[in-house]
Amino acid sequence: MDGACSKKYTYWKEELGKPFVDCILELVEKGQIVDANCKNGAYNQLKKLLQERVSGCRVKAYPNIEGRFKKLKKRWHAITFMRKQSGWGWDEVNKCIICPEGSWDDFVNVNDDLIYTRVFVHHS
C-alpha cells in the first residue's frame, strides 16, 4: 500500500484508518496518549508503528499523522457531546448516534459547528 500520490503531497488513504486506530489504542495502553492528548513524541511513535504495520506507508508525523489525529479527536469530542444529550445514544450495530425523532434539527440549529464531523445519525 502506498500512502503518497506525489513527492509534494501525501494524502491519507482509507486503508490506513483501521491500522491507525489500532496504533492509537496501543499508545493509549502505553500511556503516550491520555484523554485524547498526545505526549511528546507520540506522533513519531504513531508514524513508526504505522510504517511497521502497513508496507509502503510514507505518511509523516507532521503534518499527516498530527492532522489525522486532530480530525479524529474533533469527531470523538462531537460524538461524546451528542451522546450526552437527553435521549441520545449510540447504535453499536450501525456505529452511529441515535436521537429522538425531531431533535436532530433543533440540535443542528444550536450546534451547527459540530456538523462538519460527518457523524451519522438515525432516529429512534
PDB file of N, CA and C in Angstrom:
ATOM      1  N   MET A   1       0.844  -1.174   0.000  1.00  0.00           N
ATOM      2  CA  MET A   1       0.000   0.000   0.000  1.00  0.00           C
ATOM      3  C   MET A   1       0.886   1.233   0.000  1.00  0.00           C
ATOM      4  N   ASP A   2       0.618   2.156  -0.851  1.00  0.00           N
ATOM      5  CA  ASP A   2       1.407   3.372  -0.952  1.00  0.00           C
ATOM      6  C   ASP A   2       0.599   4.519  -0.365  1.00  0.00           C
ATOM      7  N   GLY A   3       1.163   5.234   0.584  1.00  0.00           N
ATOM      8  CA  GLY A   3       0.460   6.330   1.239  1.00  0.00           C
ATOM      9  C   GLY A   3       0.680   7.669   0.578  1.00  0.00           C
ATOM     10  N   ALA A   4       1.349   7.719  -0.565  1.00  0.00           N
ATOM     11  CA  ALA A   4       1.633   9.006  -1.188  1.00  0.00           C
ATOM     12  C   ALA A   4       1.243   9.001  -2.652  1.00  0.00           C
ATOM     13  N   CYS A   5       0.810  10.165  -3.117  1.00  0.00           N
ATOM     14  CA  CYS A   5       0.445  10.256  -4.528  1.00  0.00           C
ATOM     15  C   CYS A   5       1.477  11.062  -5.310  1.00  0.00           C
ATOM     16  N   SER A   6       2.312  11.823  -4.658  1.00  0.00           N
ATOM     17  CA  SER A   6       3.366  12.574  -5.346  1.00  0.00           C
ATOM     18  C   SER A   6       4.437  12.957  -4.336  1.00  0.00           C
ATOM     19  N   LYS A   7       5.502  13.544  -4.817  1.00  0.00           N
ATOM     20  CA  LYS A   7       6.569  13.973  -3.919  1.00  0.00           C
ATOM     21  C   LYS A   7       6.179  15.198  -3.108  1.00  0.00           C
ATOM     22  N   LYS A   8       5.255  15.994  -3.623  1.00  0.00           N
ATOM     23  CA  LYS A   8       4.878  17.234  -2.950  1.00  0.00           C
ATOM     24  C   LYS A   8       3.733  17.061  -1.966  1.00  0.00           C
ATOM     25  N   TYR A   9       2.884  16.080  -2.168  1.00  0.00           N
ATOM     26  CA  TYR A   9       1.685  15.973  -1.346  1.00  0.00           C
ATOM     27  C   TYR A   9       1.436  14.523  -0.947  1.00  0.00           C
ATOM     28  N   THR A  10       1.316  14.280   0.336  1.00  0.00           N
ATOM     29  CA  THR A  10       0.981  12.957   0.838  1.00  0.00           C
ATOM     30  C   THR A  10      -0.468  12.997   1.283  1.00  0.00           C
ATOM     31  N   TYR A  11      -1.257  12.064   0.820  1.00  0.00           N
ATOM     32  CA  TYR A  11      -2.652  12.048   1.214  1.00  0.00           C
ATOM     33  C   TYR A  11      -2.940  10.818   2.065  1.00  0.00           C
ATOM     34  N   TRP A  12      -4.018  10.876   2.786  1.00  0.00           N
ATOM     35  CA  TRP A  12      -4.385   9.823   3.712  1.00  0.00           C
ATOM     36  C   TRP A  12      -5.304   8.840   3.011  1.00  0.00           C
ATOM     37  N   LYS A  13      -4.844   7.613   2.844  1.00  0.00           N
ATOM     38  CA  LYS A  13      -5.654   6.586   2.201  1.00  0.00           C
ATOM     39  C   LYS A  13      -6.597   5.960   3.216  1.00  0.00           C
ATOM     40  N   GLU A  14      -7.763   5.601   2.746  1.00  0.00           N
ATOM     41  CA  GLU A  14      -8.787   4.992   3.591  1.00  0.00           C
ATOM     42  C   GLU A  14      -8.280   3.718   4.274  1.00  0.00           C
ATOM     43  N   GLU A  15      -7.415   2.972   3.603  1.00  0.00           N
ATOM     44  CA  GLU A  15      -6.897   1.718   4.155  1.00  0.00           C
ATOM     45  C   GLU A  15      -6.032   1.933   5.393  1.00  0.00           C
ATOM     46  N   LEU A  16      -5.603   3.164   5.643  1.00  0.00           N
ATOM     47  CA  LEU A  16      -4.785   3.448   6.814  1.00  0.00           C
ATOM     48  C   LEU A  16      -5.628   3.644   8.071  1.00  0.00           C
ATOM     49  N   GLY A  17      -6.942   3.756   7.899  1.00  0.00           N
ATOM     50  CA  GLY A  17      -7.833   4.056   9.015  1.00  0.00           C
ATOM     51  C   GLY A  17      -7.750   3.075  10.167  1.00  0.00           C
ATOM     52  N   LYS A  18      -8.017   1.804   9.906  1.00  0.00           N
ATOM     53  CA  LYS A  18      -8.020   0.813  10.981  1.00  0.00           C
ATOM     54  C   LYS A  18      -6.636   0.629  11.596  1.00  0.00           C
ATOM     55  N   PRO A  19      -5.569   0.463  10.785  1.00  0.00           N
ATOM     56  CA  PRO A  19      -4.246   0.354  11.411  1.00  0.00           C
ATOM     57  C   PRO A  19      -3.885   1.576  12.257  1.00  0.00           C
ATOM     58  N   PHE A  20      -4.301   2.759  11.804  1.00  0.00           N
ATOM     59  CA  PHE A  20      -4.018   3.978  12.555  1.00  0.00           C
ATOM     60  C   PHE A  20      -4.704   3.954  13.912  1.00  0.00           C
ATOM     61  N   VAL A  21      -5.977   3.573  13.929  1.00  0.00           N
ATOM     62  CA  VAL A  21      -6.712   3.494  15.195  1.00  0.00           C
ATOM     63  C   VAL A  21      -6.081   2.438  16.102  1.00  0.00           C
ATOM     64  N   ASP A  22      -5.682   1.310  15.521  1.00  0.00           N
ATOM     65  CA  ASP A  22      -5.011   0.269  16.312  1.00  0.00           C
ATOM     66  C   ASP A  22      -3.729   0.805  16.947  1.00  0.00           C
ATOM     67  N   CYS A  23      -2.973   1.599  16.198  1.00  0.00           N
ATOM     68  CA  CYS A  23      -1.737   2.196  16.725  1.00  0.00           C
ATOM     69  C   CYS A  23      -2.057   3.191  17.840  1.00  0.00           C
ATOM     70  N   ILE A  24      -3.119   3.960  17.654  1.00  0.00           N
ATOM     71  CA  ILE A  24      -3.535   4.906  18.697  1.00  0.00           C
ATOM     72  C   ILE A  24      -3.876   4.151  19.973  1.00  0.00           C
ATOM     73  N   LEU A  25      -4.640   3.071  19.840  1.00  0.00           N
ATOM     74  CA  LEU A  25      -5.024   2.288  21.021  1.00  0.00           C
ATOM     75  C   LEU A  25      -3.801   1.701  21.723  1.00  0.00           C
ATOM     76  N   GLU A  26      -2.814   1.303  20.948  1.00  0.00           N
ATOM     77  CA  GLU A  26      -1.572   0.785  21.533  1.00  0.00           C
ATOM     78  C   GLU A  26      -0.869   1.859  22.355  1.00  0.00           C
ATOM     79  N   LEU A  27      -0.834   3.088  21.827  1.00  0.00           N
ATOM     80  CA  LEU A  27      -0.180   4.171  22.563  1.00  0.00           C
ATOM     81  C   LEU A  27      -1.001   4.608  23.774  1.00  0.00           C
ATOM     82  N   VAL A  28      -2.319   4.450  23.703  1.00  0.00           N
ATOM     83  CA  VAL A  28      -3.157   4.724  24.874  1.00  0.00           C
ATOM     84  C   VAL A  28      -2.794   3.740  25.988  1.00  0.00           C
ATOM     85  N   GLU A  29      -2.662   2.471  25.627  1.00  0.00           N
ATOM     86  CA  GLU A  29      -2.288   1.447  26.612  1.00  0.00           C
ATOM     87  C   GLU A  29      -0.910   1.724  27.217  1.00  0.00           C
ATOM     88  N   LYS A  30      -0.010   2.281  26.427  1.00  0.00           N
ATOM     89  CA  LYS A  30       1.343   2.583  26.913  1.00  0.00           C
ATOM     90  C   LYS A  30       1.416   3.915  27.665  1.00  0.00           C
ATOM     91  N   GLY A  31       0.298   4.659  27.700  1.00  0.00           N
ATOM     92  CA  GLY A  31       0.270   5.934  28.400  1.00  0.00           C
ATOM     93  C   GLY A  31       0.823   7.103  27.609  1.00  0.00           C
ATOM     94  N   GLN A  32       1.046   6.923  26.299  1.00  0.00           N
ATOM     95  CA  GLN A  32       1.550   8.015  25.459  1.00  0.00           C
ATOM     96  C   GLN A  32       0.440   8.933  24.972  1.00  0.00           C
ATOM     97  N   ILE A  33      -0.798   8.431  25.007  1.00  0.00           N
ATOM     98  CA  ILE A  33      -1.970   9.246  24.679  1.00  0.00           C
ATOM     99  C   ILE A  33      -2.919   9.123  25.860  1.00  0.00           C
ATOM    100  N   VAL A  34      -3.203  10.262  26.496  1.00  0.00           N
ATOM    101  CA  VAL A  34      -4.055  10.282  27.674  1.00  0.00           C
ATOM    102  C   VAL A  34      -5.157  11.311  27.454  1.00  0.00           C
ATOM    103  N   ASP A  35      -6.403  10.876  27.642  1.00  0.00           N
ATOM    104  CA  ASP A  35      -7.561  11.763  27.458  1.00  0.00           C
ATOM    105  C   ASP A  35      -7.524  12.471  26.103  1.00  0.00           C
ATOM    106  N   ALA A  36      -7.200  11.728  25.071  1.00  0.00           N
ATOM    107  CA  ALA A  36      -7.146  12.208  23.689  1.00  0.00           C
ATOM    108  C   ALA A  36      -6.068  13.267  23.469  1.00  0.00           C
ATOM    109  N   ASN A  37      -5.083  13.305  24.346  1.00  0.00           N
ATOM    110  CA  ASN A  37      -3.956  14.226  24.196  1.00  0.00           C
ATOM    111  C   ASN A  37      -2.668  13.433  24.063  1.00  0.00           C
ATOM    112  N   CYS A  38      -1.857  13.811  23.084  1.00  0.00           N
ATOM    113  CA  CYS A  38      -0.595  13.121  22.827  1.00  0.00           C
ATOM    114  C   CYS A  38       0.528  13.723  23.648  1.00  0.00           C
ATOM    115  N   LYS A  39       1.326  12.851  24.246  1.00  0.00           N
ATOM    116  CA  LYS A  39       2.531  13.300  24.931  1.00  0.00           C
ATOM    117  C   LYS A  39       3.611  13.548  23.881  1.00  0.00           C
ATOM    118  N   ASN A  40       4.694  14.196  24.309  1.00  0.00           N
ATOM    119  CA  ASN A  40       5.804  14.478  23.384  1.00  0.00           C
ATOM    120  C   ASN A  40       6.293  13.190  22.729  1.00  0.00           C
ATOM    121  N   GLY A  41       6.452  13.242  21.419  1.00  0.00           N
ATOM    122  CA  GLY A  41       6.966  12.106  20.668  1.00  0.00           C
ATOM    123  C   GLY A  41       5.916  11.111  20.215  1.00  0.00           C
ATOM    124  N   ALA A  42       4.660  11.315  20.613  1.00  0.00           N
ATOM    125  CA  ALA A  42       3.606  10.345  20.272  1.00  0.00           C
ATOM    126  C   ALA A  42       3.352  10.296  18.768  1.00  0.00           C
ATOM    127  N   TYR A  43       3.401  11.431  18.069  1.00  0.00           N
ATOM    128  CA  TYR A  43       3.159  11.420  16.625  1.00  0.00           C
ATOM    129  C   TYR A  43       4.255  10.625  15.908  1.00  0.00           C
ATOM    130  N   ASN A  44       5.486  10.771  16.342  1.00  0.00           N
ATOM    131  CA  ASN A  44       6.571   9.996  15.745  1.00  0.00           C
ATOM    132  C   ASN A  44       6.426   8.511  16.057  1.00  0.00           C
ATOM    133  N   GLN A  45       5.955   8.185  17.255  1.00  0.00           N
ATOM    134  CA  GLN A  45       5.709   6.787  17.596  1.00  0.00           C
ATOM    135  C   GLN A  45       4.577   6.215  16.742  1.00  0.00           C
ATOM    136  N   LEU A  46       3.526   7.022  16.525  1.00  0.00           N
ATOM    137  CA  LEU A  46       2.428   6.586  15.649  1.00  0.00           C
ATOM    138  C   LEU A  46       2.945   6.331  14.237  1.00  0.00           C
ATOM    139  N   LYS A  47       3.816   7.211  13.759  1.00  0.00           N
ATOM    140  CA  LYS A  47       4.405   7.046  12.425  1.00  0.00           C
ATOM    141  C   LYS A  47       5.167   5.724  12.336  1.00  0.00           C
ATOM    142  N   LYS A  48       6.002   5.475  13.320  1.00  0.00           N
ATOM    143  CA  LYS A  48       6.811   4.259  13.324  1.00  0.00           C
ATOM    144  C   LYS A  48       5.922   3.011  13.372  1.00  0.00           C
ATOM    145  N   LEU A  49       4.934   2.997  14.259  1.00  0.00           N
ATOM    146  CA  LEU A  49       4.033   1.848  14.362  1.00  0.00           C
ATOM    147  C   LEU A  49       3.260   1.626  13.061  1.00  0.00           C
ATOM    148  N   LEU A  50       2.791   2.712  12.460  1.00  0.00           N
ATOM    149  CA  LEU A  50       2.023   2.612  11.219  1.00  0.00           C
ATOM    150  C   LEU A  50       2.900   2.088  10.085  1.00  0.00           C
ATOM    151  N   GLN A  51       4.130   2.543  10.014  1.00  0.00           N
ATOM    152  CA  GLN A  51       5.042   2.068   8.973  1.00  0.00           C
ATOM    153  C   GLN A  51       5.397   0.598   9.165  1.00  0.00           C
ATOM    154  N   GLU A  52       5.437   0.132  10.410  1.00  0.00           N
ATOM    155  CA  GLU A  52       5.690  -1.280  10.677  1.00  0.00           C
ATOM    156  C   GLU A  52       4.517  -2.162  10.232  1.00  0.00           C
ATOM    157  N   ARG A  53       3.314  -1.628  10.329  1.00  0.00           N
ATOM    158  CA  ARG A  53       2.106  -2.421  10.058  1.00  0.00           C
ATOM    159  C   ARG A  53       1.613  -2.322   8.624  1.00  0.00           C
ATOM    160  N   VAL A  54       1.955  -1.242   7.949  1.00  0.00           N
ATOM    161  CA  VAL A  54       1.459  -1.021   6.589  1.00  0.00           C
ATOM    162  C   VAL A  54       2.662  -0.849   5.667  1.00  0.00           C
ATOM    163  N   SER A  55       2.896  -1.834   4.817  1.00  0.00           N
ATOM    164  CA  SER A  55       4.052  -1.754   3.930  1.00  0.00           C
ATOM    165  C   SER A  55       3.892  -0.615   2.931  1.00  0.00           C
ATOM    166  N   GLY A  56       4.964   0.088   2.698  1.00  0.00           N
ATOM    167  CA  GLY A  56       4.952   1.192   1.750  1.00  0.00           C
ATOM    168  C   GLY A  56       4.335   2.468   2.284  1.00  0.00           C
ATOM    169  N   CYS A  57       3.976   2.493   3.552  1.00  0.00           N
ATOM    170  CA  CYS A  57       3.358   3.689   4.139  1.00  0.00           C
ATOM    171  C   CYS A  57       4.411   4.786   4.274  1.00  0.00           C
ATOM    172  N   ARG A  58       4.114   5.949   3.686  1.00  0.00           N
ATOM    173  CA  ARG A  58       5.070   7.056   3.717  1.00  0.00           C
ATOM    174  C   ARG A  58       4.497   8.302   4.375  1.00  0.00           C
ATOM    175  N   VAL A  59       3.510   8.139   5.242  1.00  0.00           N
ATOM    176  CA  VAL A  59       2.970   9.315   5.920  1.00  0.00           C
ATOM    177  C   VAL A  59       4.002   9.856   6.895  1.00  0.00           C
ATOM    178  N   LYS A  60       3.932  11.135   7.144  1.00  0.00           N
ATOM    179  CA  LYS A  60       4.869  11.811   8.033  1.00  0.00           C
ATOM    180  C   LYS A  60       4.175  12.102   9.364  1.00  0.00           C
ATOM    181  N   ALA A  61       4.972  12.194  10.422  1.00  0.00           N
ATOM    182  CA  ALA A  61       4.412  12.531  11.728  1.00  0.00           C
ATOM    183  C   ALA A  61       3.745  13.904  11.666  1.00  0.00           C
ATOM    184  N   TYR A  62       4.433  14.853  11.009  1.00  0.00           N
ATOM    185  CA  TYR A  62       3.904  16.207  10.822  1.00  0.00           C
ATOM    186  C   TYR A  62       3.944  16.515   9.340  1.00  0.00           C
ATOM    187  N   PRO A  63       2.912  16.848   8.706  1.00  0.00           N
ATOM    188  CA  PRO A  63       1.584  17.180   9.196  1.00  0.00           C
ATOM    189  C   PRO A  63       0.585  16.016   9.121  1.00  0.00           C
ATOM    190  N   ASN A  64       0.929  14.894   8.464  1.00  0.00           N
ATOM    191  CA  ASN A  64      -0.054  13.849   8.167  1.00  0.00           C
ATOM    192  C   ASN A  64      -0.685  13.241   9.412  1.00  0.00           C
ATOM    193  N   ILE A  65       0.123  12.662  10.276  1.00  0.00           N
ATOM    194  CA  ILE A  65      -0.413  11.971  11.447  1.00  0.00           C
ATOM    195  C   ILE A  65      -1.006  12.969  12.436  1.00  0.00           C
ATOM    196  N   GLU A  66      -0.337  14.078  12.628  1.00  0.00           N
ATOM    197  CA  GLU A  66      -0.863  15.111  13.520  1.00  0.00           C
ATOM    198  C   GLU A  66      -2.246  15.570  13.047  1.00  0.00           C
ATOM    199  N   GLY A  67      -2.376  15.844  11.757  1.00  0.00           N
ATOM    200  CA  GLY A  67      -3.650  16.307  11.219  1.00  0.00           C
ATOM    201  C   GLY A  67      -4.750  15.271  11.326  1.00  0.00           C
ATOM    202  N   ARG A  68      -4.432  14.013  11.035  1.00  0.00           N
ATOM    203  CA  ARG A  68      -5.425  12.940  11.118  1.00  0.00           C
ATOM    204  C   ARG A  68      -5.856  12.737  12.572  1.00  0.00           C
ATOM    205  N   PHE A  69      -4.896  12.794  13.489  1.00  0.00           N
ATOM    206  CA  PHE A  69      -5.221  12.632  14.902  1.00  0.00           C
ATOM    207  C   PHE A  69      -6.145  13.746  15.366  1.00  0.00           C
ATOM    208  N   LYS A  70      -5.842  14.983  14.982  1.00  0.00           N
ATOM    209  CA  LYS A  70      -6.687  16.118  15.376  1.00  0.00           C
ATOM    210  C   LYS A  70      -8.093  15.974  14.804  1.00  0.00           C
ATOM    211  N   LYS A  71      -8.204  15.476  13.575  1.00  0.00           N
ATOM    212  CA  LYS A  71      -9.517  15.279  12.961  1.00  0.00           C
ATOM    213  C   LYS A  71     -10.313  14.224  13.730  1.00  0.00           C
ATOM    214  N   LEU A  72      -9.667  13.116  14.070  1.00  0.00           N
ATOM    215  CA  LEU A  72     -10.346  12.077  14.846  1.00  0.00           C
ATOM    216  C   LEU A  72     -10.735  12.585  16.232  1.00  0.00           C
ATOM    217  N   LYS A  73      -9.884  13.398  16.813  1.00  0.00           N
ATOM    218  CA  LYS A  73     -10.165  13.962  18.129  1.00  0.00           C
ATOM    219  C   LYS A  73     -11.408  14.861  18.085  1.00  0.00           C
ATOM    220  N   LYS A  74     -11.543  15.668  17.039  1.00  0.00           N
ATOM    221  CA  LYS A  74     -12.730  16.520  16.891  1.00  0.00           C
ATOM    222  C   LYS A  74     -13.987  15.670  16.764  1.00  0.00           C
ATOM    223  N   ARG A  75     -13.902  14.594  15.989  1.00  0.00           N
ATOM    224  CA  ARG A  75     -15.057  13.705  15.837  1.00  0.00           C
ATOM    225  C   ARG A  75     -15.405  13.032  17.162  1.00  0.00           C
ATOM    226  N   TRP A  76     -14.387  12.602  17.883  1.00  0.00           N
ATOM    227  CA  TRP A  76     -14.607  11.955  19.169  1.00  0.00           C
ATOM    228  C   TRP A  76     -15.317  12.910  20.129  1.00  0.00           C
ATOM    229  N   HIS A  77     -14.856  14.170  20.187  1.00  0.00           N
ATOM    230  CA  HIS A  77     -15.494  15.161  21.062  1.00  0.00           C
ATOM    231  C   HIS A  77     -16.936  15.430  20.622  1.00  0.00           C
ATOM    232  N   ALA A  78     -17.184  15.510  19.329  1.00  0.00           N
ATOM    233  CA  ALA A  78     -18.537  15.756  18.834  1.00  0.00           C
ATOM    234  C   ALA A  78     -19.465  14.594  19.208  1.00  0.00           C
ATOM    235  N   ILE A  79     -18.996  13.364  19.009  1.00  0.00           N
ATOM    236  CA  ILE A  79     -19.817  12.195  19.341  1.00  0.00           C
ATOM    237  C   ILE A  79     -20.067  12.127  20.838  1.00  0.00           C
ATOM    238  N   THR A  80     -19.048  12.385  21.629  1.00  0.00           N
ATOM    239  CA  THR A  80     -19.203  12.379  23.086  1.00  0.00           C
ATOM    240  C   THR A  80     -20.224  13.420  23.520  1.00  0.00           C
ATOM    241  N   PHE A  81     -20.149  14.605  22.936  1.00  0.00           N
ATOM    242  CA  PHE A  81     -21.102  15.675  23.263  1.00  0.00           C
ATOM    243  C   PHE A  81     -22.527  15.268  22.881  1.00  0.00           C
ATOM    244  N   MET A  82     -22.695  14.695  21.697  1.00  0.00           N
ATOM    245  CA  MET A  82     -24.022  14.281  21.242  1.00  0.00           C
ATOM    246  C   MET A  82     -24.597  13.196  22.150  1.00  0.00           C
ATOM    247  N   ARG A  83     -23.774  12.253  22.544  1.00  0.00           N
ATOM    248  CA  ARG A  83     -24.246  11.139  23.382  1.00  0.00           C
ATOM    249  C   ARG A  83     -24.724  11.617  24.749  1.00  0.00           C
ATOM    250  N   LYS A  84     -24.251  12.780  25.191  1.00  0.00           N
ATOM    251  CA  LYS A  84     -24.661  13.324  26.491  1.00  0.00           C
ATOM    252  C   LYS A  84     -26.016  14.037  26.431  1.00  0.00           C
ATOM    253  N   GLN A  85     -26.546  14.214  25.228  1.00  0.00           N
ATOM    254  CA  GLN A  85     -27.839  14.872  25.092  1.00  0.00           C
ATOM    255  C   GLN A  85     -28.935  13.935  25.604  1.00  0.00           C
ATOM    256  N   SER A  86     -29.923  14.499  26.226  1.00  0.00           N
ATOM    257  CA  SER A  86     -31.020  13.711  26.793  1.00  0.00           C
ATOM    258  C   SER A  86     -31.723  12.896  25.706  1.00  0.00           C
ATOM    259  N   GLY A  87     -31.808  11.588  25.913  1.00  0.00           N
ATOM    260  CA  GLY A  87     -32.483  10.695  24.975  1.00  0.00           C
ATOM    261  C   GLY A  87     -31.615  10.227  23.819  1.00  0.00           C
ATOM    262  N   TRP A  88     -30.385  10.678  23.750  1.00  0.00           N
ATOM    263  CA  TRP A  88     -29.482  10.306  22.669  1.00  0.00           C
ATOM    264  C   TRP A  88     -28.635   9.121  23.101  1.00  0.00           C
ATOM    265  N   GLY A  89     -28.142   8.371  22.123  1.00  0.00           N
ATOM    266  CA  GLY A  89     -27.327   7.219  22.438  1.00  0.00           C
ATOM    267  C   GLY A  89     -26.469   6.798  21.258  1.00  0.00           C
ATOM    268  N   TRP A  90     -25.947   5.590  21.341  1.00  0.00           N
ATOM    269  CA  TRP A  90     -25.055   5.051  20.322  1.00  0.00           C
ATOM    270  C   TRP A  90     -25.577   3.706  19.864  1.00  0.00           C
ATOM    271  N   ASP A  91     -25.689   3.526  18.555  1.00  0.00           N
ATOM    272  CA  ASP A  91     -26.095   2.252  17.971  1.00  0.00           C
ATOM    273  C   ASP A  91     -24.835   1.469  17.641  1.00  0.00           C
ATOM    274  N   GLU A  92     -24.588   0.415  18.402  1.00  0.00           N
ATOM    275  CA  GLU A  92     -23.375  -0.394  18.250  1.00  0.00           C
ATOM    276  C   GLU A  92     -23.350  -1.135  16.921  1.00  0.00           C
ATOM    277  N   VAL A  93     -24.513  -1.530  16.419  1.00  0.00           N
ATOM    278  CA  VAL A  93     -24.574  -2.288  15.165  1.00  0.00           C
ATOM    279  C   VAL A  93     -24.240  -1.395  13.971  1.00  0.00           C
ATOM    280  N   ASN A  94     -24.892  -0.244  13.879  1.00  0.00           N
ATOM    281  CA  ASN A  94     -24.706   0.663  12.741  1.00  0.00           C
ATOM    282  C   ASN A  94     -23.603   1.699  12.964  1.00  0.00           C
ATOM    283  N   LYS A  95     -23.049   1.728  14.177  1.00  0.00           N
ATOM    284  CA  LYS A  95     -21.972   2.658  14.522  1.00  0.00           C
ATOM    285  C   LYS A  95     -22.375   4.105  14.243  1.00  0.00           C
ATOM    286  N   CYS A  96     -23.488   4.497  14.852  1.00  0.00           N
ATOM    287  CA  CYS A  96     -23.954   5.860  14.661  1.00  0.00           C
ATOM    288  C   CYS A  96     -24.715   6.343  15.895  1.00  0.00           C
ATOM    289  N   ILE A  97     -24.925   7.652  15.942  1.00  0.00           N
ATOM    290  CA  ILE A  97     -25.683   8.291  17.008  1.00  0.00           C
ATOM    291  C   ILE A  97     -27.171   7.995  16.807  1.00  0.00           C
ATOM    292  N   ILE A  98     -27.862   7.764  17.906  1.00  0.00           N
ATOM    293  CA  ILE A  98     -29.317   7.602  17.888  1.00  0.00           C
ATOM    294  C   ILE A  98     -29.892   8.813  18.616  1.00  0.00           C
ATOM    295  N   CYS A  99     -30.896   9.444  18.000  1.00  0.00           N
ATOM    296  CA  CYS A  99     -31.537  10.580  18.664  1.00  0.00           C
ATOM    297  C   CYS A  99     -33.046  10.485  18.464  1.00  0.00           C
ATOM    298  N   PRO A 100     -33.800  11.059  19.400  1.00  0.00           N
ATOM    299  CA  PRO A 100     -35.260  11.045  19.262  1.00  0.00           C
ATOM    300  C   PRO A 100     -35.705  11.811  18.021  1.00  0.00           C
ATOM    301  N   GLU A 101     -36.784  11.353  17.428  1.00  0.00           N
ATOM    302  CA  GLU A 101     -37.350  11.998  16.229  1.00  0.00           C
ATOM    303  C   GLU A 101     -37.551  13.492  16.484  1.00  0.00           C
ATOM    304  N   GLY A 102     -37.075  14.308  15.561  1.00  0.00           N
ATOM    305  CA  GLY A 102     -37.270  15.753  15.645  1.00  0.00           C
ATOM    306  C   GLY A 102     -36.193  16.494  16.420  1.00  0.00           C
ATOM    307  N   SER A 103     -35.381  15.797  17.186  1.00  0.00           N
ATOM    308  CA  SER A 103     -34.376  16.504  17.996  1.00  0.00           C
ATOM    309  C   SER A 103     -33.135  16.874  17.195  1.00  0.00           C
ATOM    310  N   TRP A 104     -32.895  16.205  16.063  1.00  0.00           N
ATOM    311  CA  TRP A 104     -31.708  16.493  15.266  1.00  0.00           C
ATOM    312  C   TRP A 104     -31.717  17.918  14.724  1.00  0.00           C
ATOM    313  N   ASP A 105     -32.847  18.340  14.148  1.00  0.00           N
ATOM    314  CA  ASP A 105     -32.922  19.698  13.582  1.00  0.00           C
ATOM    315  C   ASP A 105     -32.685  20.758  14.648  1.00  0.00           C
ATOM    316  N   ASP A 106     -33.273  20.567  15.828  1.00  0.00           N
ATOM    317  CA  ASP A 106     -33.057  21.522  16.920  1.00  0.00           C
ATOM    318  C   ASP A 106     -31.589  21.549  17.335  1.00  0.00           C
ATOM    319  N   PHE A 107     -30.986  20.380  17.385  1.00  0.00           N
ATOM    320  CA  PHE A 107     -29.582  20.278  17.770  1.00  0.00           C
ATOM    321  C   PHE A 107     -28.686  20.995  16.755  1.00  0.00           C
ATOM    322  N   VAL A 108     -28.954  20.778  15.472  1.00  0.00           N
ATOM    323  CA  VAL A 108     -28.152  21.396  14.412  1.00  0.00           C
ATOM    324  C   VAL A 108     -28.273  22.913  14.463  1.00  0.00           C
ATOM    325  N   ASN A 109     -29.465  23.425  14.731  1.00  0.00           N
ATOM    326  CA  ASN A 109     -29.654  24.875  14.783  1.00  0.00           C
ATOM    327  C   ASN A 109     -28.802  25.516  15.874  1.00  0.00           C
ATOM    328  N   VAL A 110     -28.580  24.815  16.964  1.00  0.00           N
ATOM    329  CA  VAL A 110     -27.804  25.359  18.077  1.00  0.00           C
ATOM    330  C   VAL A 110     -26.321  25.003  17.972  1.00  0.00           C
ATOM    331  N   ASN A 111     -26.015  23.837  17.388  1.00  0.00           N
ATOM    332  CA  ASN A 111     -24.644  23.327  17.373  1.00  0.00           C
ATOM    333  C   ASN A 111     -24.151  23.048  15.960  1.00  0.00           C
ATOM    334  N   ASP A 112     -24.371  23.964  15.043  1.00  0.00           N
ATOM    335  CA  ASP A 112     -24.003  23.716  13.646  1.00  0.00           C
ATOM    336  C   ASP A 112     -22.500  23.538  13.453  1.00  0.00           C
ATOM    337  N   ASP A 113     -21.681  23.965  14.419  1.00  0.00           N
ATOM    338  CA  ASP A 113     -20.234  23.792  14.296  1.00  0.00           C
ATOM    339  C   ASP A 113     -19.809  22.329  14.410  1.00  0.00           C
ATOM    340  N   LEU A 114     -20.674  21.458  14.951  1.00  0.00           N
ATOM    341  CA  LEU A 114     -20.343  20.040  15.085  1.00  0.00           C
ATOM    342  C   LEU A 114     -20.694  19.233  13.844  1.00  0.00           C
ATOM    343  N   ILE A 115     -21.457  19.794  12.938  1.00  0.00           N
ATOM    344  CA  ILE A 115     -21.963  19.042  11.797  1.00  0.00           C
ATOM    345  C   ILE A 115     -20.854  18.663  10.826  1.00  0.00           C
ATOM    346  N   TYR A 116     -19.801  19.422  10.739  1.00  0.00           N
ATOM    347  CA  TYR A 116     -18.717  19.111   9.810  1.00  0.00           C
ATOM    348  C   TYR A 116     -18.085  17.755  10.105  1.00  0.00           C
ATOM    349  N   THR A 117     -18.338  17.210  11.271  1.00  0.00           N
ATOM    350  CA  THR A 117     -17.712  15.945  11.656  1.00  0.00           C
ATOM    351  C   THR A 117     -18.259  14.768  10.865  1.00  0.00           C
ATOM    352  N   ARG A 118     -19.339  14.934  10.155  1.00  0.00           N
ATOM    353  CA  ARG A 118     -19.969  13.891   9.347  1.00  0.00           C
ATOM    354  C   ARG A 118     -20.303  12.660  10.193  1.00  0.00           C
ATOM    355  N   VAL A 119     -20.811  12.905  11.384  1.00  0.00           N
ATOM    356  CA  VAL A 119     -21.250  11.812  12.235  1.00  0.00           C
ATOM    357  C   VAL A 119     -22.605  11.356  11.725  1.00  0.00           C
ATOM    358  N   PHE A 120     -22.786  10.055  11.591  1.00  0.00           N
ATOM    359  CA  PHE A 120     -24.039   9.528  11.081  1.00  0.00           C
ATOM    360  C   PHE A 120     -25.054   9.390  12.207  1.00  0.00           C
ATOM    361  N   VAL A 121     -26.266   9.806  11.924  1.00  0.00           N
ATOM    362  CA  VAL A 121     -27.327   9.815  12.918  1.00  0.00           C
ATOM    363  C   VAL A 121     -28.546   9.114  12.355  1.00  0.00           C
ATOM    364  N   HIS A 122     -29.235   8.356  13.173  1.00  0.00           N
ATOM    365  CA  HIS A 122     -30.569   7.897  12.812  1.00  0.00           C
ATOM    366  C   HIS A 122     -31.483   8.054  13.996  1.00  0.00           C
ATOM    367  N   HIS A 123     -32.767   8.132  13.712  1.00  0.00           N
ATOM    368  CA  HIS A 123     -33.754   8.431  14.748  1.00  0.00           C
ATOM    369  C   HIS A 123     -34.292   7.147  15.344  1.00  0.00           C
ATOM    370  N   SER A 124     -34.490   7.196  16.651  1.00  0.00           N
ATOM    371  CA  SER A 124     -35.037   6.026  17.350  1.00  0.00           C
ATOM    372  C   SER A 124     -36.548   6.022  17.276  1.00  0.00           C
TER     373      SER A 124
END
